[in-house]
PDB file of all heavy atoms in Angstrom:
ATOM      1  N   LYS A   1      92.514 -77.567-137.137  1.00  0.00           N
ATOM      2  CA  LYS A   1      93.827 -77.180-136.640  1.00  0.00           C
ATOM      3  C   LYS A   1      93.929 -75.667-136.522  1.00  0.00           C
ATOM      4  O   LYS A   1      94.503 -75.131-135.549  1.00  0.00           O
ATOM      5  CB  LYS A   1      94.873 -77.773-137.467  1.00  0.00           C
ATOM      6  CG  LYS A   1      95.009 -79.270-137.385  1.00  0.00           C
ATOM      7  CD  LYS A   1      96.011 -79.840-138.396  1.00  0.00           C
ATOM      8  CE  LYS A   1      96.039 -81.359-138.248  1.00  0.00           C
ATOM      9  NZ  LYS A   1      97.030 -81.971-139.156  1.00  0.00           N
ATOM     10  N   LEU A   2      93.396 -74.961-137.528  1.00  0.00           N
ATOM     11  CA  LEU A   2      93.462 -73.495-137.500  1.00  0.00           C
ATOM     12  C   LEU A   2      92.617 -72.908-136.310  1.00  0.00           C
ATOM     13  O   LEU A   2      92.832 -71.829-135.844  1.00  0.00           O
ATOM     14  CB  LEU A   2      92.982 -72.880-138.817  1.00  0.00           C
ATOM     15  CG  LEU A   2      93.860 -73.127-140.006  1.00  0.00           C
ATOM     16  CD1 LEU A   2      93.178 -72.644-141.294  1.00  0.00           C
ATOM     17  CD2 LEU A   2      95.180 -72.432-139.840  1.00  0.00           C
ATOM     18  N   GLY A   3      91.671 -73.698-135.908  1.00  0.00           N
ATOM     19  CA  GLY A   3      90.814 -73.212-134.815  1.00  0.00           C
ATOM     20  C   GLY A   3      91.487 -73.294-133.410  1.00  0.00           C
ATOM     21  O   GLY A   3      91.020 -72.679-132.428  1.00  0.00           O
ATOM     22  N   ARG A   4      92.566 -74.009-133.333  1.00  0.00           N
ATOM     23  CA  ARG A   4      93.280 -74.206-132.012  1.00  0.00           C
ATOM     24  C   ARG A   4      93.976 -72.860-131.623  1.00  0.00           C
ATOM     25  O   ARG A   4      94.566 -72.118-132.468  1.00  0.00           O
ATOM     26  CB  ARG A   4      94.326 -75.235-132.159  1.00  0.00           C
ATOM     27  CG  ARG A   4      93.729 -76.664-132.367  1.00  0.00           C
ATOM     28  CD  ARG A   4      94.819 -77.718-132.550  1.00  0.00           C
ATOM     29  NE  ARG A   4      94.249 -79.005-132.921  1.00  0.00           N
ATOM     30  CZ  ARG A   4      94.989 -80.027-133.395  1.00  0.00           C
ATOM     31  NH1 ARG A   4      96.301 -79.885-133.451  1.00  0.00           N
ATOM     32  NH2 ARG A   4      94.458 -81.183-133.713  1.00  0.00           N
ATOM     33  N   SER A   5      93.913 -72.595-130.332  1.00  0.00           N
ATOM     34  CA  SER A   5      94.526 -71.373-129.853  1.00  0.00           C
ATOM     35  C   SER A   5      96.020 -71.227-130.160  1.00  0.00           C
ATOM     36  O   SER A   5      96.524 -70.160-130.459  1.00  0.00           O
ATOM     37  CB  SER A   5      94.331 -71.214-128.339  1.00  0.00           C
ATOM     38  OG  SER A   5      92.902 -71.168-128.026  1.00  0.00           O
ATOM     39  N   ALA A   6      96.732 -72.354-130.070  1.00  0.00           N
ATOM     40  CA  ALA A   6      98.143 -72.341-130.313  1.00  0.00           C
ATOM     41  C   ALA A   6      98.553 -72.320-131.819  1.00  0.00           C
ATOM     42  O   ALA A   6      99.678 -72.172-132.128  1.00  0.00           O
ATOM     43  CB  ALA A   6      98.797 -73.593-129.727  1.00  0.00           C
ATOM     44  N   VAL A   7      97.488 -72.374-132.679  1.00  0.00           N
ATOM     45  CA  VAL A   7      97.812 -72.373-134.131  1.00  0.00           C
ATOM     46  C   VAL A   7      97.360 -71.027-134.728  1.00  0.00           C
ATOM     47  O   VAL A   7      98.190 -70.173-135.067  1.00  0.00           O
ATOM     48  CB  VAL A   7      97.121 -73.545-134.875  1.00  0.00           C
ATOM     49  CG1 VAL A   7      97.428 -73.542-136.391  1.00  0.00           C
ATOM     50  CG2 VAL A   7      97.605 -74.805-134.289  1.00  0.00           C
ATOM     51  N   ALA A   8      96.078 -70.829-134.939  1.00  0.00           N
ATOM     52  CA  ALA A   8      95.599 -69.555-135.485  1.00  0.00           C
ATOM     53  C   ALA A   8      94.406 -69.002-134.800  1.00  0.00           C
ATOM     54  O   ALA A   8      93.912 -67.951-135.153  1.00  0.00           O
ATOM     55  CB  ALA A   8      95.241 -69.759-136.987  1.00  0.00           C
ATOM     56  N   LYS A   9      93.927 -69.705-133.763  1.00  0.00           N
ATOM     57  CA  LYS A   9      92.758 -69.271-132.956  1.00  0.00           C
ATOM     58  C   LYS A   9      91.565 -68.854-133.788  1.00  0.00           C
ATOM     59  O   LYS A   9      90.886 -67.875-133.585  1.00  0.00           O
ATOM     60  CB  LYS A   9      93.211 -68.022-132.098  1.00  0.00           C
ATOM     61  CG  LYS A   9      92.393 -67.823-130.888  1.00  0.00           C
ATOM     62  CD  LYS A   9      92.901 -66.699-130.018  1.00  0.00           C
ATOM     63  CE  LYS A   9      92.084 -66.471-128.716  1.00  0.00           C
ATOM     64  NZ  LYS A   9      92.667 -65.391-127.914  1.00  0.00           N
ATOM     65  N   GLY A  10      91.348 -69.667-134.816  1.00  0.00           N
ATOM     66  CA  GLY A  10      90.187 -69.498-135.709  1.00  0.00           C
ATOM     67  C   GLY A  10      90.476 -68.575-136.862  1.00  0.00           C
ATOM     68  O   GLY A  10      89.596 -68.314-137.703  1.00  0.00           O
ATOM     69  N   GLY A  11      91.635 -68.070-136.971  1.00  0.00           N
ATOM     70  CA  GLY A  11      91.969 -67.136-138.069  1.00  0.00           C
ATOM     71  C   GLY A  11      92.047 -67.848-139.415  1.00  0.00           C
ATOM     72  O   GLY A  11      92.322 -69.068-139.455  1.00  0.00           O
ATOM     73  N   ALA A  12      91.784 -67.150-140.422  1.00  0.00           N
ATOM     74  CA  ALA A  12      91.777 -67.718-141.792  1.00  0.00           C
ATOM     75  C   ALA A  12      92.915 -67.238-142.668  1.00  0.00           C
ATOM     76  O   ALA A  12      93.018 -67.607-143.853  1.00  0.00           O
ATOM     77  CB  ALA A  12      90.443 -67.451-142.517  1.00  0.00           C
ATOM     78  N   ALA A  13      93.773 -66.405-142.151  1.00  0.00           N
ATOM     79  CA  ALA A  13      94.901 -65.851-142.903  1.00  0.00           C
ATOM     80  C   ALA A  13      96.143 -65.775-142.009  1.00  0.00           C
ATOM     81  O   ALA A  13      96.069 -65.417-140.858  1.00  0.00           O
ATOM     82  CB  ALA A  13      94.544 -64.463-143.461  1.00  0.00           C
ATOM     83  N   ILE A  14      97.271 -66.190-142.546  1.00  0.00           N
ATOM     84  CA  ILE A  14      98.591 -66.121-141.907  1.00  0.00           C
ATOM     85  C   ILE A  14      99.562 -65.393-142.824  1.00  0.00           C
ATOM     86  O   ILE A  14      99.403 -65.481-144.042  1.00  0.00           O
ATOM     87  CB  ILE A  14      99.093 -67.444-141.438  1.00  0.00           C
ATOM     88  CG1 ILE A  14      99.297 -68.380-142.672  1.00  0.00           C
ATOM     89  CG2 ILE A  14      98.132 -68.081-140.398  1.00  0.00           C
ATOM     90  CD1 ILE A  14      99.979 -69.712-142.260  1.00  0.00           C
ATOM     91  N   GLY A  15     100.599 -64.799-142.238  1.00  0.00           N
ATOM     92  CA  GLY A  15     101.578 -64.164-143.098  1.00  0.00           C
ATOM     93  C   GLY A  15     102.881 -64.123-142.396  1.00  0.00           C
ATOM     94  O   GLY A  15     102.983 -64.202-141.197  1.00  0.00           O
ATOM     95  N   THR A  16     103.917 -63.960-143.202  1.00  0.00           N
ATOM     96  CA  THR A  16     105.289 -63.768-142.743  1.00  0.00           C
ATOM     97  C   THR A  16     106.036 -62.714-143.503  1.00  0.00           C
ATOM     98  O   THR A  16     105.911 -62.602-144.772  1.00  0.00           O
ATOM     99  CB  THR A  16     106.088 -65.144-142.857  1.00  0.00           C
ATOM    100  OG1 THR A  16     105.399 -66.137-142.175  1.00  0.00           O
ATOM    101  CG2 THR A  16     107.495 -65.026-142.352  1.00  0.00           C
ATOM    102  N   ALA A  17     106.735 -61.933-142.832  1.00  0.00           N
ATOM    103  CA  ALA A  17     107.677 -60.958-143.482  1.00  0.00           C
ATOM    104  C   ALA A  17     109.101 -61.230-142.930  1.00  0.00           C
ATOM    105  O   ALA A  17     109.337 -61.167-141.727  1.00  0.00           O
ATOM    106  CB  ALA A  17     107.231 -59.500-143.148  1.00  0.00           C
ATOM    107  N   LEU A  18     109.988 -61.454-143.871  1.00  0.00           N
ATOM    108  CA  LEU A  18     111.404 -61.719-143.472  1.00  0.00           C
ATOM    109  C   LEU A  18     112.196 -60.537-143.997  1.00  0.00           C
ATOM    110  O   LEU A  18     112.186 -60.211-145.150  1.00  0.00           O
ATOM    111  CB  LEU A  18     111.871 -63.020-144.205  1.00  0.00           C
ATOM    112  CG  LEU A  18     113.313 -63.443-144.076  1.00  0.00           C
ATOM    113  CD1 LEU A  18     113.679 -63.661-142.615  1.00  0.00           C
ATOM    114  CD2 LEU A  18     113.550 -64.715-144.906  1.00  0.00           C
ATOM    115  N   ILE A  19     112.955 -59.941-143.056  1.00  0.00           N
ATOM    116  CA  ILE A  19     113.687 -58.685-143.334  1.00  0.00           C
ATOM    117  C   ILE A  19     115.144 -58.885-143.024  1.00  0.00           C
ATOM    118  O   ILE A  19     115.479 -59.271-141.904  1.00  0.00           O
ATOM    119  CB  ILE A  19     113.148 -57.502-142.501  1.00  0.00           C
ATOM    120  CG1 ILE A  19     111.644 -57.385-142.623  1.00  0.00           C
ATOM    121  CG2 ILE A  19     113.789 -56.193-142.858  1.00  0.00           C
ATOM    122  CD1 ILE A  19     111.016 -56.535-141.577  1.00  0.00           C
ATOM    123  N   VAL A  20     116.008 -58.737-144.015  1.00  0.00           N
ATOM    124  CA  VAL A  20     117.400 -58.923-143.890  1.00  0.00           C
ATOM    125  C   VAL A  20     118.100 -57.656-144.493  1.00  0.00           C
ATOM    126  O   VAL A  20     117.865 -57.333-145.670  1.00  0.00           O
ATOM    127  CB  VAL A  20     117.899 -60.194-144.658  1.00  0.00           C
ATOM    128  CG1 VAL A  20     119.417 -60.398-144.363  1.00  0.00           C
ATOM    129  CG2 VAL A  20     117.096 -61.383-144.290  1.00  0.00           C
ATOM    130  N   PRO A  21     119.010 -56.996-143.736  1.00  0.00           N
ATOM    131  CA  PRO A  21     119.355 -57.244-142.353  1.00  0.00           C
ATOM    132  C   PRO A  21     118.208 -56.727-141.405  1.00  0.00           C
ATOM    133  O   PRO A  21     117.414 -55.855-141.823  1.00  0.00           O
ATOM    134  CB  PRO A  21     120.636 -56.470-142.188  1.00  0.00           C
ATOM    135  CG  PRO A  21     120.519 -55.321-143.112  1.00  0.00           C
ATOM    136  CD  PRO A  21     119.788 -55.900-144.288  1.00  0.00           C
ATOM    137  N   GLY A  22     118.219 -57.274-140.235  1.00  0.00           N
ATOM    138  CA  GLY A  22     117.196 -56.837-139.255  1.00  0.00           C
ATOM    139  C   GLY A  22     117.830 -56.947-137.810  1.00  0.00           C
ATOM    140  O   GLY A  22     118.557 -57.918-137.575  1.00  0.00           O
ATOM    141  N   ASP A  23     117.530 -55.969-136.984  1.00  0.00           N
ATOM    142  CA  ASP A  23     118.146 -55.928-135.648  1.00  0.00           C
ATOM    143  C   ASP A  23     117.174 -55.425-134.648  1.00  0.00           C
ATOM    144  O   ASP A  23     115.988 -55.035-134.955  1.00  0.00           O
ATOM    145  CB  ASP A  23     119.438 -55.157-135.620  1.00  0.00           C
ATOM    146  CG  ASP A  23     119.229 -53.752-136.197  1.00  0.00           C
ATOM    147  OD1 ASP A  23     118.085 -53.261-136.217  1.00  0.00           O
ATOM    148  OD2 ASP A  23     120.253 -53.148-136.617  1.00  0.00           O
ATOM    149  N   GLU A  24     117.531 -55.392-133.408  1.00  0.00           N
ATOM    150  CA  GLU A  24     116.611 -54.931-132.318  1.00  0.00           C
ATOM    151  C   GLU A  24     116.201 -53.477-132.490  1.00  0.00           C
ATOM    152  O   GLU A  24     115.052 -53.169-132.185  1.00  0.00           O
ATOM    153  CB  GLU A  24     117.305 -55.094-130.935  1.00  0.00           C
ATOM    154  CG  GLU A  24     117.365 -56.567-130.533  1.00  0.00           C
ATOM    155  CD  GLU A  24     116.038 -57.192-130.371  1.00  0.00           C
ATOM    156  OE1 GLU A  24     115.041 -56.414-129.993  1.00  0.00           O
ATOM    157  OE2 GLU A  24     115.859 -58.372-130.608  1.00  0.00           O
ATOM    158  N   PRO A  25     117.082 -52.525-132.935  1.00  0.00           N
ATOM    159  CA  PRO A  25     116.575 -51.185-133.103  1.00  0.00           C
ATOM    160  C   PRO A  25     115.409 -51.125-134.168  1.00  0.00           C
ATOM    161  O   PRO A  25     114.459 -50.349-133.984  1.00  0.00           O
ATOM    162  CB  PRO A  25     117.817 -50.436-133.666  1.00  0.00           C
ATOM    163  CG  PRO A  25     118.971 -51.148-133.057  1.00  0.00           C
ATOM    164  CD  PRO A  25     118.566 -52.583-133.017  1.00  0.00           C
ATOM    165  N   LEU A  26     115.413 -51.940-135.192  1.00  0.00           N
ATOM    166  CA  LEU A  26     114.359 -51.988-136.146  1.00  0.00           C
ATOM    167  C   LEU A  26     113.099 -52.533-135.430  1.00  0.00           C
ATOM    168  O   LEU A  26     111.994 -51.934-135.670  1.00  0.00           O
ATOM    169  CB  LEU A  26     114.719 -52.916-137.330  1.00  0.00           C
ATOM    170  CG  LEU A  26     113.604 -53.252-138.312  1.00  0.00           C
ATOM    171  CD1 LEU A  26     113.122 -51.966-139.038  1.00  0.00           C
ATOM    172  CD2 LEU A  26     114.069 -54.303-139.309  1.00  0.00           C
ATOM    173  N   ILE A  27     113.247 -53.584-134.645  1.00  0.00           N
ATOM    174  CA  ILE A  27     112.098 -54.140-133.913  1.00  0.00           C
ATOM    175  C   ILE A  27     111.448 -53.090-133.017  1.00  0.00           C
ATOM    176  O   ILE A  27     110.252 -52.934-132.914  1.00  0.00           O
ATOM    177  CB  ILE A  27     112.509 -55.362-133.130  1.00  0.00           C
ATOM    178  CG1 ILE A  27     113.111 -56.371-134.067  1.00  0.00           C
ATOM    179  CG2 ILE A  27     111.357 -55.907-132.373  1.00  0.00           C
ATOM    180  CD1 ILE A  27     112.254 -56.828-135.242  1.00  0.00           C
ATOM    181  N   GLU A  28     112.316 -52.374-132.298  1.00  0.00           N
ATOM    182  CA  GLU A  28     111.829 -51.324-131.395  1.00  0.00           C
ATOM    183  C   GLU A  28     111.037 -50.208-132.156  1.00  0.00           C
ATOM    184  O   GLU A  28     110.014 -49.715-131.617  1.00  0.00           O
ATOM    185  CB  GLU A  28     112.964 -50.719-130.576  1.00  0.00           C
ATOM    186  CG  GLU A  28     113.537 -51.692-129.570  1.00  0.00           C
ATOM    187  CD  GLU A  28     112.489 -52.313-128.610  1.00  0.00           C
ATOM    188  OE1 GLU A  28     111.604 -51.511-128.133  1.00  0.00           O
ATOM    189  OE2 GLU A  28     112.489 -53.553-128.415  1.00  0.00           O
ATOM    190  N   ARG A  29     111.543 -49.794-133.328  1.00  0.00           N
ATOM    191  CA  ARG A  29     110.799 -48.766-134.110  1.00  0.00           C
ATOM    192  C   ARG A  29     109.380 -49.251-134.416  1.00  0.00           C
ATOM    193  O   ARG A  29     108.459 -48.509-134.425  1.00  0.00           O
ATOM    194  CB  ARG A  29     111.589 -48.455-135.382  1.00  0.00           C
ATOM    195  CG  ARG A  29     112.812 -47.641-135.114  1.00  0.00           C
ATOM    196  CD  ARG A  29     113.260 -46.921-136.370  1.00  0.00           C
ATOM    197  NE  ARG A  29     113.422 -47.766-137.508  1.00  0.00           N
ATOM    198  CZ  ARG A  29     114.544 -48.407-137.824  1.00  0.00           C
ATOM    199  NH1 ARG A  29     115.624 -48.302-137.002  1.00  0.00           N
ATOM    200  NH2 ARG A  29     114.653 -49.167-138.921  1.00  0.00           N
ATOM    201  N   ILE A  30     109.272 -50.551-134.763  1.00  0.00           N
ATOM    202  CA  ILE A  30     107.966 -51.057-135.098  1.00  0.00           C
ATOM    203  C   ILE A  30     107.098 -51.157-133.871  1.00  0.00           C
ATOM    204  O   ILE A  30     105.877 -50.808-133.886  1.00  0.00           O
ATOM    205  CB  ILE A  30     108.110 -52.472-135.735  1.00  0.00           C
ATOM    206  CG1 ILE A  30     108.856 -52.304-137.138  1.00  0.00           C
ATOM    207  CG2 ILE A  30     106.753 -53.074-135.988  1.00  0.00           C
ATOM    208  CD1 ILE A  30     109.230 -53.644-137.755  1.00  0.00           C
ATOM    209  N   ARG A  31     107.642 -51.607-132.755  1.00  0.00           N
ATOM    210  CA  ARG A  31     106.871 -51.788-131.583  1.00  0.00           C
ATOM    211  C   ARG A  31     106.423 -50.509-130.907  1.00  0.00           C
ATOM    212  O   ARG A  31     105.454 -50.427-130.174  1.00  0.00           O
ATOM    213  CB  ARG A  31     107.669 -52.593-130.564  1.00  0.00           C
ATOM    214  CG  ARG A  31     107.851 -54.118-130.930  1.00  0.00           C
ATOM    215  CD  ARG A  31     108.773 -54.761-129.994  1.00  0.00           C
ATOM    216  NE  ARG A  31     108.899 -56.227-130.321  1.00  0.00           N
ATOM    217  CZ  ARG A  31     109.838 -57.049-129.815  1.00  0.00           C
ATOM    218  NH1 ARG A  31     110.729 -56.585-128.996  1.00  0.00           N
ATOM    219  NH2 ARG A  31     109.846 -58.313-130.205  1.00  0.00           N
ATOM    220  N   GLU A  32     107.150 -49.366-131.189  1.00  0.00           N
ATOM    221  CA  GLU A  32     106.828 -48.120-130.605  1.00  0.00           C
ATOM    222  C   GLU A  32     105.559 -47.481-131.223  1.00  0.00           C
ATOM    223  O   GLU A  32     104.994 -46.548-130.678  1.00  0.00           O
ATOM    224  CB  GLU A  32     108.016 -47.157-130.722  1.00  0.00           C
ATOM    225  CG  GLU A  32     109.178 -47.480-129.802  1.00  0.00           C
ATOM    226  CD  GLU A  32     110.360 -46.682-130.099  1.00  0.00           C
ATOM    227  OE1 GLU A  32     110.332 -45.827-131.072  1.00  0.00           O
ATOM    228  OE2 GLU A  32     111.416 -46.778-129.471  1.00  0.00           O
ATOM    229  N   ALA A  33     105.149 -47.932-132.371  1.00  0.00           N
ATOM    230  CA  ALA A  33     103.972 -47.389-133.052  1.00  0.00           C
ATOM    231  C   ALA A  33     102.739 -47.636-132.139  1.00  0.00           C
ATOM    232  O   ALA A  33     102.597 -48.694-131.547  1.00  0.00           O
ATOM    233  CB  ALA A  33     103.765 -48.028-134.400  1.00  0.00           C
ATOM    234  N   THR A  34     101.841 -46.675-132.086  1.00  0.00           N
ATOM    235  CA  THR A  34     100.688 -46.810-131.202  1.00  0.00           C
ATOM    236  C   THR A  34      99.458 -47.250-131.896  1.00  0.00           C
ATOM    237  O   THR A  34      98.522 -47.661-131.248  1.00  0.00           O
ATOM    238  CB  THR A  34     100.420 -45.391-130.604  1.00  0.00           C
ATOM    239  OG1 THR A  34     100.176 -44.433-131.733  1.00  0.00           O
ATOM    240  CG2 THR A  34     101.569 -44.901-129.792  1.00  0.00           C
ATOM    241  N   GLU A  35      99.423 -47.299-133.234  1.00  0.00           N
ATOM    242  CA  GLU A  35      98.234 -47.733-133.970  1.00  0.00           C
ATOM    243  C   GLU A  35      97.923 -49.217-133.658  1.00  0.00           C
ATOM    244  O   GLU A  35      98.832 -50.044-133.734  1.00  0.00           O
ATOM    245  CB  GLU A  35      98.302 -47.550-135.430  1.00  0.00           C
ATOM    246  CG  GLU A  35      98.594 -46.115-135.848  1.00  0.00           C
ATOM    247  CD  GLU A  35     100.079 -45.800-135.884  1.00  0.00           C
ATOM    248  OE1 GLU A  35     100.896 -46.560-135.275  1.00  0.00           O
ATOM    249  OE2 GLU A  35     100.443 -44.818-136.592  1.00  0.00           O
ATOM    250  N   PRO A  36      96.681 -49.585-133.315  1.00  0.00           N
ATOM    251  CA  PRO A  36      96.420 -51.023-133.080  1.00  0.00           C
ATOM    252  C   PRO A  36      96.317 -51.780-134.358  1.00  0.00           C
ATOM    253  O   PRO A  36      95.965 -51.284-135.381  1.00  0.00           O
ATOM    254  CB  PRO A  36      94.993 -50.927-132.396  1.00  0.00           C
ATOM    255  CG  PRO A  36      94.409 -49.673-132.960  1.00  0.00           C
ATOM    256  CD  PRO A  36      95.554 -48.717-133.098  1.00  0.00           C
ATOM    257  N   PHE A  37      96.722 -53.080-134.266  1.00  0.00           N
ATOM    258  CA  PHE A  37      96.626 -53.968-135.404  1.00  0.00           C
ATOM    259  C   PHE A  37      95.231 -54.614-135.445  1.00  0.00           C
ATOM    260  O   PHE A  37      94.586 -54.825-134.379  1.00  0.00           O
ATOM    261  CB  PHE A  37      97.692 -55.008-135.338  1.00  0.00           C
ATOM    262  CG  PHE A  37      99.065 -54.518-135.573  1.00  0.00           C
ATOM    263  CD1 PHE A  37     100.012 -54.486-134.557  1.00  0.00           C
ATOM    264  CD2 PHE A  37      99.463 -54.031-136.818  1.00  0.00           C
ATOM    265  CE1 PHE A  37     101.315 -54.026-134.777  1.00  0.00           C
ATOM    266  CE2 PHE A  37     100.726 -53.554-137.066  1.00  0.00           C
ATOM    267  CZ  PHE A  37     101.720 -53.570-136.000  1.00  0.00           C
ATOM    268  N   ALA A  38      94.841 -54.968-136.621  1.00  0.00           N
ATOM    269  CA  ALA A  38      93.528 -55.671-136.787  1.00  0.00           C
ATOM    270  C   ALA A  38      93.588 -57.109-136.373  1.00  0.00           C
ATOM    271  O   ALA A  38      92.597 -57.685-135.963  1.00  0.00           O
ATOM    272  CB  ALA A  38      93.022 -55.568-138.222  1.00  0.00           C
TER     273      ALA A  38
END
């Protein structure tokens, strides 16, 4: 199941970060970063 593209595409690690409160300006600050993710 983890090998399926719609699940984890072969990945062996998953994670979740829940941030309260959180809004679109916070999301935009994160998305504006230029460093690539692994």
